[in-house]
N, C-alpha and C. Protein backbone atom coordinates (compact mmCIF):
# COMPACT_ATOMS: atom_id res chain seq x y z
N UNK A 1 92.36 76.23 113.48
CA UNK A 1 91.21 76.97 113.07
C UNK A 1 91.66 78.22 112.33
N UNK A 2 90.89 78.58 111.31
CA UNK A 2 91.17 79.76 110.50
C UNK A 2 89.99 80.71 110.59
N UNK A 3 90.30 82.00 110.72
CA UNK A 3 89.27 83.04 110.63
C UNK A 3 89.54 83.81 109.35
N UNK A 4 88.62 83.70 108.41
CA UNK A 4 88.72 84.40 107.13
C UNK A 4 87.90 85.68 107.24
N UNK A 5 88.57 86.82 107.18
CA UNK A 5 87.90 88.11 107.30
C UNK A 5 87.68 88.67 105.90
N UNK A 6 86.42 88.97 105.59
CA UNK A 6 86.09 89.57 104.30
C UNK A 6 85.45 90.94 104.52
N UNK A 7 85.63 91.81 103.56
CA UNK A 7 85.14 93.18 103.62
C UNK A 7 83.75 93.26 103.01
N UNK A 8 82.74 93.53 103.81
CA UNK A 8 81.36 93.59 103.31
C UNK A 8 81.19 94.66 102.25
N UNK A 9 81.94 95.74 102.36
CA UNK A 9 81.80 96.84 101.40
C UNK A 9 82.33 96.46 100.03
N UNK A 10 83.24 95.49 99.96
CA UNK A 10 83.75 95.00 98.68
C UNK A 10 82.95 93.81 98.16
N UNK A 11 82.15 93.22 99.03
CA UNK A 11 81.44 91.99 98.66
C UNK A 11 82.40 90.80 98.74
N UNK A 12 81.91 89.65 98.35
CA UNK A 12 82.73 88.44 98.36
C UNK A 12 83.50 88.42 97.04
N UNK A 13 84.80 88.62 97.12
CA UNK A 13 85.62 88.67 95.91
C UNK A 13 86.03 87.27 95.48
N UNK A 14 86.54 87.17 94.26
CA UNK A 14 87.06 85.90 93.76
C UNK A 14 88.22 85.43 94.63
N UNK A 15 89.02 86.36 95.10
CA UNK A 15 90.14 86.00 95.97
C UNK A 15 89.63 85.43 97.29
N UNK A 16 88.58 86.01 97.85
CA UNK A 16 87.98 85.47 99.07
C UNK A 16 87.56 84.02 98.86
N UNK A 17 86.87 83.76 97.75
CA UNK A 17 86.40 82.40 97.45
C UNK A 17 87.57 81.45 97.23
N UNK A 18 88.62 81.93 96.58
CA UNK A 18 89.80 81.10 96.33
C UNK A 18 90.49 80.72 97.64
N UNK A 19 90.67 81.69 98.52
CA UNK A 19 91.29 81.43 99.82
C UNK A 19 90.42 80.47 100.63
N UNK A 20 89.10 80.66 100.59
CA UNK A 20 88.18 79.77 101.30
C UNK A 20 88.30 78.34 100.79
N UNK A 21 88.41 78.18 99.47
CA UNK A 21 88.58 76.83 98.89
C UNK A 21 89.89 76.21 99.34
N UNK A 22 90.93 76.99 99.42
CA UNK A 22 92.23 76.50 99.90
C UNK A 22 92.12 76.03 101.35
N UNK A 23 91.43 76.79 102.18
CA UNK A 23 91.23 76.42 103.59
C UNK A 23 90.45 75.10 103.68
N UNK A 24 89.41 74.98 102.86
CA UNK A 24 88.62 73.75 102.82
C UNK A 24 89.48 72.57 102.42
N UNK A 25 90.27 72.76 101.39
CA UNK A 25 91.16 71.70 100.90
C UNK A 25 92.17 71.26 101.96
N UNK A 26 92.62 72.22 102.78
CA UNK A 26 93.58 71.93 103.84
C UNK A 26 92.92 71.24 105.04
N UNK A 27 91.59 71.17 105.04
CA UNK A 27 90.88 70.49 106.10
C UNK A 27 90.84 71.23 107.43
N UNK A 28 90.91 72.54 107.37
CA UNK A 28 90.92 73.35 108.59
C UNK A 28 89.51 73.75 109.00
N UNK A 29 89.33 73.92 110.31
CA UNK A 29 88.09 74.49 110.82
C UNK A 29 88.05 75.96 110.38
N UNK A 30 86.86 76.48 110.13
CA UNK A 30 86.76 77.81 109.53
C UNK A 30 85.63 78.63 110.13
N UNK A 31 85.94 79.88 110.40
CA UNK A 31 84.95 80.90 110.73
C UNK A 31 85.14 82.02 109.72
N UNK A 32 84.05 82.43 109.08
CA UNK A 32 84.10 83.54 108.14
C UNK A 32 83.55 84.77 108.85
N UNK A 33 84.38 85.80 108.96
CA UNK A 33 84.00 87.04 109.63
C UNK A 33 83.75 88.11 108.57
N UNK A 34 82.56 88.64 108.55
CA UNK A 34 82.18 89.69 107.59
C UNK A 34 82.34 91.03 108.31
N UNK A 35 83.26 91.85 107.82
CA UNK A 35 83.64 93.12 108.46
C UNK A 35 83.02 94.31 107.72
N UNK A 36 82.95 95.43 108.39
CA UNK A 36 82.49 96.72 107.84
C UNK A 36 81.01 96.70 107.46
N UNK A 37 80.23 95.93 108.18
CA UNK A 37 78.80 95.79 107.92
C UNK A 37 78.05 97.10 108.14
N UNK A 38 78.51 97.86 109.12
CA UNK A 38 77.80 99.10 109.48
C UNK A 38 77.88 100.17 108.40
N UNK A 39 78.76 100.02 107.44
CA UNK A 39 78.88 101.00 106.36
C UNK A 39 77.94 100.73 105.20
N UNK A 40 77.09 99.71 105.31
CA UNK A 40 76.20 99.33 104.22
C UNK A 40 74.77 99.74 104.48
N UNK A 41 74.06 100.05 103.40
CA UNK A 41 72.62 100.28 103.47
C UNK A 41 71.92 98.92 103.48
N UNK A 42 70.65 98.91 103.82
CA UNK A 42 69.90 97.66 103.95
C UNK A 42 69.93 96.83 102.67
N UNK A 43 69.74 97.46 101.51
CA UNK A 43 69.74 96.69 100.26
C UNK A 43 71.14 96.15 99.94
N UNK A 44 72.18 96.88 100.34
CA UNK A 44 73.54 96.37 100.15
C UNK A 44 73.81 95.18 101.07
N UNK A 45 73.26 95.21 102.26
CA UNK A 45 73.41 94.08 103.18
C UNK A 45 72.73 92.84 102.61
N UNK A 46 71.56 93.02 102.05
CA UNK A 46 70.86 91.89 101.42
C UNK A 46 71.68 91.32 100.27
N UNK A 47 72.30 92.20 99.48
CA UNK A 47 73.14 91.77 98.37
C UNK A 47 74.34 90.96 98.87
N UNK A 48 74.99 91.42 99.94
CA UNK A 48 76.14 90.69 100.49
C UNK A 48 75.71 89.32 100.98
N UNK A 49 74.57 89.22 101.64
CA UNK A 49 74.08 87.92 102.10
C UNK A 49 73.85 86.97 100.91
N UNK A 50 73.31 87.50 99.83
CA UNK A 50 73.11 86.67 98.63
C UNK A 50 74.45 86.25 98.03
N UNK A 51 75.42 87.16 98.04
CA UNK A 51 76.76 86.83 97.54
C UNK A 51 77.42 85.74 98.38
N UNK A 52 77.23 85.79 99.69
CA UNK A 52 77.75 84.75 100.57
C UNK A 52 77.15 83.40 100.17
N UNK A 53 75.83 83.37 100.02
CA UNK A 53 75.16 82.12 99.65
C UNK A 53 75.60 81.62 98.28
N UNK A 54 75.82 82.53 97.35
CA UNK A 54 76.17 82.14 95.98
C UNK A 54 77.64 81.75 95.84
N UNK A 55 78.55 82.58 96.34
CA UNK A 55 79.97 82.36 96.11
C UNK A 55 80.64 81.45 97.14
N UNK A 56 80.02 81.33 98.31
CA UNK A 56 80.64 80.51 99.35
C UNK A 56 79.72 79.35 99.76
N UNK A 57 78.90 78.89 98.84
CA UNK A 57 77.95 77.82 99.16
C UNK A 57 78.64 76.54 99.58
N UNK A 58 79.87 76.34 99.17
CA UNK A 58 80.62 75.13 99.53
C UNK A 58 81.11 75.16 100.97
N UNK A 59 80.86 76.24 101.69
CA UNK A 59 81.26 76.37 103.08
C UNK A 59 80.07 76.21 104.03
N UNK A 60 79.18 75.31 103.70
CA UNK A 60 77.98 75.14 104.53
C UNK A 60 78.29 74.65 105.94
N UNK A 61 79.48 74.14 106.17
CA UNK A 61 79.89 73.67 107.49
C UNK A 61 80.44 74.80 108.36
N UNK A 62 80.82 75.90 107.74
CA UNK A 62 81.52 76.98 108.45
C UNK A 62 80.55 77.88 109.21
N UNK A 63 81.06 78.51 110.23
CA UNK A 63 80.30 79.54 110.94
C UNK A 63 80.56 80.88 110.27
N UNK A 64 79.53 81.68 110.17
CA UNK A 64 79.64 83.02 109.61
C UNK A 64 79.27 84.01 110.70
N UNK A 65 80.13 85.00 110.90
CA UNK A 65 79.88 86.04 111.89
C UNK A 65 79.92 87.38 111.17
N UNK A 66 78.86 88.14 111.31
CA UNK A 66 78.82 89.48 110.74
C UNK A 66 78.98 90.45 111.90
N UNK A 67 79.95 91.34 111.77
CA UNK A 67 80.15 92.29 112.86
C UNK A 67 80.39 93.68 112.32
N UNK A 68 80.19 94.63 113.21
CA UNK A 68 80.40 96.03 112.84
C UNK A 68 81.19 96.72 113.93
N UNK A 69 81.85 97.75 113.55
CA UNK A 69 82.69 98.50 114.47
C UNK A 69 82.02 99.83 114.75
N UNK A 70 81.84 100.11 116.00
CA UNK A 70 81.26 101.40 116.38
C UNK A 70 82.41 102.36 116.66
N UNK A 71 82.31 103.56 116.17
CA UNK A 71 83.37 104.54 116.35
C UNK A 71 83.78 104.66 117.81
N UNK A 72 85.06 104.51 118.07
CA UNK A 72 85.65 104.65 119.40
C UNK A 72 85.11 103.66 120.42
N UNK A 73 84.51 102.55 119.96
CA UNK A 73 84.04 101.51 120.87
C UNK A 73 84.41 100.16 120.29
N UNK A 74 84.20 99.13 121.04
CA UNK A 74 84.51 97.77 120.60
C UNK A 74 83.56 97.34 119.48
N UNK A 75 84.01 96.37 118.71
CA UNK A 75 83.17 95.80 117.66
C UNK A 75 82.04 94.99 118.28
N UNK A 76 80.93 94.91 117.58
CA UNK A 76 79.80 94.13 118.07
C UNK A 76 79.37 93.10 117.05
N UNK A 77 79.13 91.89 117.50
CA UNK A 77 78.63 90.83 116.62
C UNK A 77 77.14 91.02 116.46
N UNK A 78 76.68 91.03 115.21
CA UNK A 78 75.25 91.26 114.98
C UNK A 78 74.55 90.10 114.31
N UNK A 79 75.28 89.09 113.86
CA UNK A 79 74.66 87.95 113.19
C UNK A 79 75.62 86.78 113.22
N UNK A 80 75.11 85.63 113.52
CA UNK A 80 75.92 84.42 113.46
C UNK A 80 75.12 83.38 112.71
N UNK A 81 75.74 82.74 111.72
CA UNK A 81 75.09 81.66 110.97
C UNK A 81 75.80 80.37 111.27
């Protein structure tokens, strides 16, 4: 199993999509973890969700976990697809 961590503040980059395609080609189980969610405004979060759907549409089998880190506390999962 592979956990692909992407930075929500950078959006889904071409490199993220390329690595995801490589993982798919290798036939590995995949979880995509979206990090740094708490640093985004609501409209930026909507944009990232659209970018996930657009750039990673070929990963419809994968689980997506969006999480945020609270200062001086553990990270919290806030969305699972």
